[in-house]
Amino acid sequence: MVSTRVLHDDFGVEVENLDLCDVTAATFPEIRALFEEYSLLLFRGQDLDEEAHRRVAEMFGPLEDLRG
């Protein structure tokens, strides 16, 4: 079960008890709703390889290539 802890009165929440490697299209709407409400999400202690990081990031929308 995902739990949260507010980081600041104006914005930000720490998301606890969630392994980002396990996020799917079915479970992402809860994360997206937290982002819409708090604007900043903190996920501590994650162990994501590049593929897993990209998969989660792409759920938020297209990635921008800012290299070079």
N, C-alpha and C. Protein backbone atom coordinates (compact mmCIF):
# COMPACT_ATOMS: atom_id res chain seq x y z
N MET A 1 0.84 -1.19 0.00
CA MET A 1 0.00 0.00 0.00
C MET A 1 0.88 1.24 0.00
N VAL A 2 0.64 2.15 -0.94
CA VAL A 2 1.40 3.39 -1.05
C VAL A 2 0.96 4.35 0.06
N SER A 3 1.94 4.98 0.68
CA SER A 3 1.64 6.01 1.65
C SER A 3 2.43 7.25 1.27
N THR A 4 2.03 8.39 1.79
CA THR A 4 2.69 9.65 1.46
C THR A 4 2.97 10.45 2.72
N ARG A 5 3.94 11.36 2.58
CA ARG A 5 4.27 12.30 3.65
C ARG A 5 4.49 13.65 2.99
N VAL A 6 3.71 14.63 3.38
CA VAL A 6 3.82 15.97 2.81
C VAL A 6 5.18 16.56 3.18
N LEU A 7 5.85 17.16 2.19
CA LEU A 7 7.18 17.72 2.39
C LEU A 7 7.14 19.20 2.74
N HIS A 8 6.14 19.92 2.26
CA HIS A 8 6.04 21.36 2.46
C HIS A 8 4.58 21.76 2.38
N ASP A 9 4.22 22.83 3.04
CA ASP A 9 2.82 23.27 3.02
C ASP A 9 2.33 23.63 1.61
N ASP A 10 3.24 24.09 0.75
CA ASP A 10 2.83 24.56 -0.58
C ASP A 10 2.93 23.49 -1.67
N PHE A 11 3.87 22.57 -1.55
CA PHE A 11 4.00 21.53 -2.58
C PHE A 11 4.94 20.43 -2.10
N GLY A 12 4.88 19.31 -2.77
CA GLY A 12 5.81 18.21 -2.54
C GLY A 12 5.29 17.15 -1.60
N VAL A 13 5.50 15.90 -2.01
CA VAL A 13 5.11 14.76 -1.19
C VAL A 13 6.14 13.64 -1.38
N GLU A 14 6.48 12.97 -0.29
CA GLU A 14 7.33 11.80 -0.37
C GLU A 14 6.41 10.58 -0.51
N VAL A 15 6.66 9.77 -1.52
CA VAL A 15 5.88 8.56 -1.75
C VAL A 15 6.64 7.40 -1.15
N GLU A 16 6.00 6.71 -0.23
CA GLU A 16 6.64 5.60 0.48
C GLU A 16 5.98 4.28 0.12
N ASN A 17 6.68 3.20 0.37
CA ASN A 17 6.15 1.84 0.13
C ASN A 17 5.79 1.61 -1.33
N LEU A 18 6.64 2.10 -2.23
CA LEU A 18 6.41 1.91 -3.65
C LEU A 18 7.74 1.64 -4.34
N ASP A 19 7.82 0.53 -5.03
CA ASP A 19 8.98 0.21 -5.84
C ASP A 19 8.65 0.63 -7.28
N LEU A 20 9.35 1.63 -7.78
CA LEU A 20 9.06 2.14 -9.12
C LEU A 20 9.25 1.08 -10.20
N CYS A 21 10.01 0.05 -9.94
CA CYS A 21 10.17 -1.05 -10.90
C CYS A 21 8.85 -1.81 -11.09
N ASP A 22 7.95 -1.71 -10.13
CA ASP A 22 6.68 -2.44 -10.20
C ASP A 22 5.53 -1.61 -10.76
N VAL A 23 5.78 -0.36 -11.11
CA VAL A 23 4.71 0.50 -11.62
C VAL A 23 4.31 0.05 -13.02
N THR A 24 3.01 -0.04 -13.25
CA THR A 24 2.47 -0.43 -14.55
C THR A 24 1.47 0.63 -15.00
N ALA A 25 0.97 0.48 -16.21
CA ALA A 25 -0.05 1.40 -16.71
C ALA A 25 -1.28 1.37 -15.81
N ALA A 26 -1.53 0.24 -15.16
CA ALA A 26 -2.69 0.13 -14.28
C ALA A 26 -2.48 0.84 -12.94
N THR A 27 -1.24 0.87 -12.46
CA THR A 27 -0.97 1.50 -11.17
C THR A 27 -0.48 2.94 -11.29
N PHE A 28 -0.11 3.37 -12.49
CA PHE A 28 0.42 4.71 -12.68
C PHE A 28 -0.57 5.83 -12.36
N PRO A 29 -1.87 5.69 -12.63
CA PRO A 29 -2.79 6.81 -12.36
C PRO A 29 -2.72 7.34 -10.92
N GLU A 30 -2.44 6.50 -9.96
CA GLU A 30 -2.32 6.97 -8.58
C GLU A 30 -1.11 7.90 -8.44
N ILE A 31 0.00 7.53 -9.08
CA ILE A 31 1.20 8.37 -9.05
C ILE A 31 0.94 9.69 -9.78
N ARG A 32 0.29 9.60 -10.93
CA ARG A 32 0.00 10.81 -11.71
C ARG A 32 -0.89 11.76 -10.92
N ALA A 33 -1.87 11.22 -10.21
CA ALA A 33 -2.77 12.05 -9.39
C ALA A 33 -1.99 12.75 -8.28
N LEU A 34 -1.04 12.04 -7.68
CA LEU A 34 -0.20 12.68 -6.65
C LEU A 34 0.62 13.80 -7.26
N PHE A 35 1.16 13.58 -8.47
CA PHE A 35 1.93 14.62 -9.14
C PHE A 35 1.07 15.85 -9.44
N GLU A 36 -0.14 15.63 -9.92
CA GLU A 36 -1.05 16.75 -10.23
C GLU A 36 -1.40 17.53 -8.97
N GLU A 37 -1.53 16.83 -7.84
CA GLU A 37 -1.90 17.50 -6.59
C GLU A 37 -0.73 18.21 -5.93
N TYR A 38 0.46 17.60 -5.95
CA TYR A 38 1.59 18.11 -5.18
C TYR A 38 2.74 18.69 -6.01
N SER A 39 2.76 18.46 -7.31
CA SER A 39 3.76 19.00 -8.25
C SER A 39 5.17 18.43 -8.10
N LEU A 40 5.51 17.87 -6.98
CA LEU A 40 6.83 17.30 -6.76
C LEU A 40 6.66 15.99 -6.00
N LEU A 41 7.28 14.94 -6.53
CA LEU A 41 7.22 13.63 -5.88
C LEU A 41 8.64 13.19 -5.54
N LEU A 42 8.84 12.69 -4.33
CA LEU A 42 10.13 12.17 -3.89
C LEU A 42 9.98 10.68 -3.63
N PHE A 43 10.82 9.89 -4.29
CA PHE A 43 10.84 8.44 -4.12
C PHE A 43 12.23 8.06 -3.60
N ARG A 44 12.34 7.77 -2.33
CA ARG A 44 13.64 7.41 -1.75
C ARG A 44 13.94 5.92 -1.95
N GLY A 45 15.22 5.60 -1.97
CA GLY A 45 15.67 4.22 -1.95
C GLY A 45 15.31 3.39 -3.16
N GLN A 46 15.21 4.00 -4.32
CA GLN A 46 14.88 3.26 -5.53
C GLN A 46 16.16 2.70 -6.16
N ASP A 47 16.04 1.56 -6.80
CA ASP A 47 17.17 0.94 -7.49
C ASP A 47 16.74 0.67 -8.93
N LEU A 48 16.81 1.72 -9.75
CA LEU A 48 16.35 1.62 -11.14
C LEU A 48 17.53 1.57 -12.09
N ASP A 49 17.50 0.62 -13.01
CA ASP A 49 18.47 0.67 -14.09
C ASP A 49 17.93 1.65 -15.14
N GLU A 50 18.70 1.91 -16.17
CA GLU A 50 18.30 2.92 -17.16
C GLU A 50 16.97 2.56 -17.83
N GLU A 51 16.79 1.29 -18.15
CA GLU A 51 15.56 0.85 -18.81
C GLU A 51 14.33 1.10 -17.93
N ALA A 52 14.42 0.74 -16.66
CA ALA A 52 13.30 0.95 -15.73
C ALA A 52 13.04 2.43 -15.52
N HIS A 53 14.10 3.22 -15.43
CA HIS A 53 13.95 4.67 -15.25
C HIS A 53 13.22 5.28 -16.45
N ARG A 54 13.63 4.90 -17.65
CA ARG A 54 12.98 5.41 -18.86
C ARG A 54 11.52 4.98 -18.94
N ARG A 55 11.24 3.73 -18.57
CA ARG A 55 9.88 3.22 -18.64
C ARG A 55 8.95 4.05 -17.74
N VAL A 56 9.38 4.32 -16.52
CA VAL A 56 8.56 5.13 -15.61
C VAL A 56 8.46 6.56 -16.11
N ALA A 57 9.57 7.14 -16.54
CA ALA A 57 9.57 8.52 -17.02
C ALA A 57 8.65 8.69 -18.22
N GLU A 58 8.64 7.73 -19.14
CA GLU A 58 7.80 7.83 -20.33
C GLU A 58 6.32 7.75 -20.01
N MET A 59 5.96 7.24 -18.85
CA MET A 59 4.55 7.25 -18.45
C MET A 59 4.05 8.68 -18.24
N PHE A 60 4.97 9.59 -17.90
CA PHE A 60 4.60 10.99 -17.72
C PHE A 60 4.49 11.73 -19.05
N GLY A 61 5.09 11.18 -20.09
CA GLY A 61 5.02 11.80 -21.42
C GLY A 61 6.33 11.58 -22.16
N PRO A 62 6.40 12.08 -23.39
CA PRO A 62 7.59 11.91 -24.22
C PRO A 62 8.83 12.49 -23.56
N LEU A 63 9.95 11.80 -23.70
CA LEU A 63 11.21 12.28 -23.16
C LEU A 63 11.86 13.25 -24.14
N GLU A 64 12.55 14.23 -23.58
CA GLU A 64 13.31 15.17 -24.41
C GLU A 64 14.78 14.80 -24.34
N ASP A 65 15.45 14.80 -25.47
CA ASP A 65 16.88 14.54 -25.51
C ASP A 65 17.60 15.90 -25.40
N LEU A 66 18.17 16.16 -24.24
CA LEU A 66 18.82 17.44 -24.00
C LEU A 66 20.34 17.37 -24.15
N ARG A 67 20.81 16.24 -24.65
CA ARG A 67 22.26 16.11 -24.87
C ARG A 67 22.67 16.87 -26.13
N GLY A 68 23.84 17.49 -26.02
CA GLY A 68 24.49 18.13 -27.16
C GLY A 68 23.67 19.05 -27.87
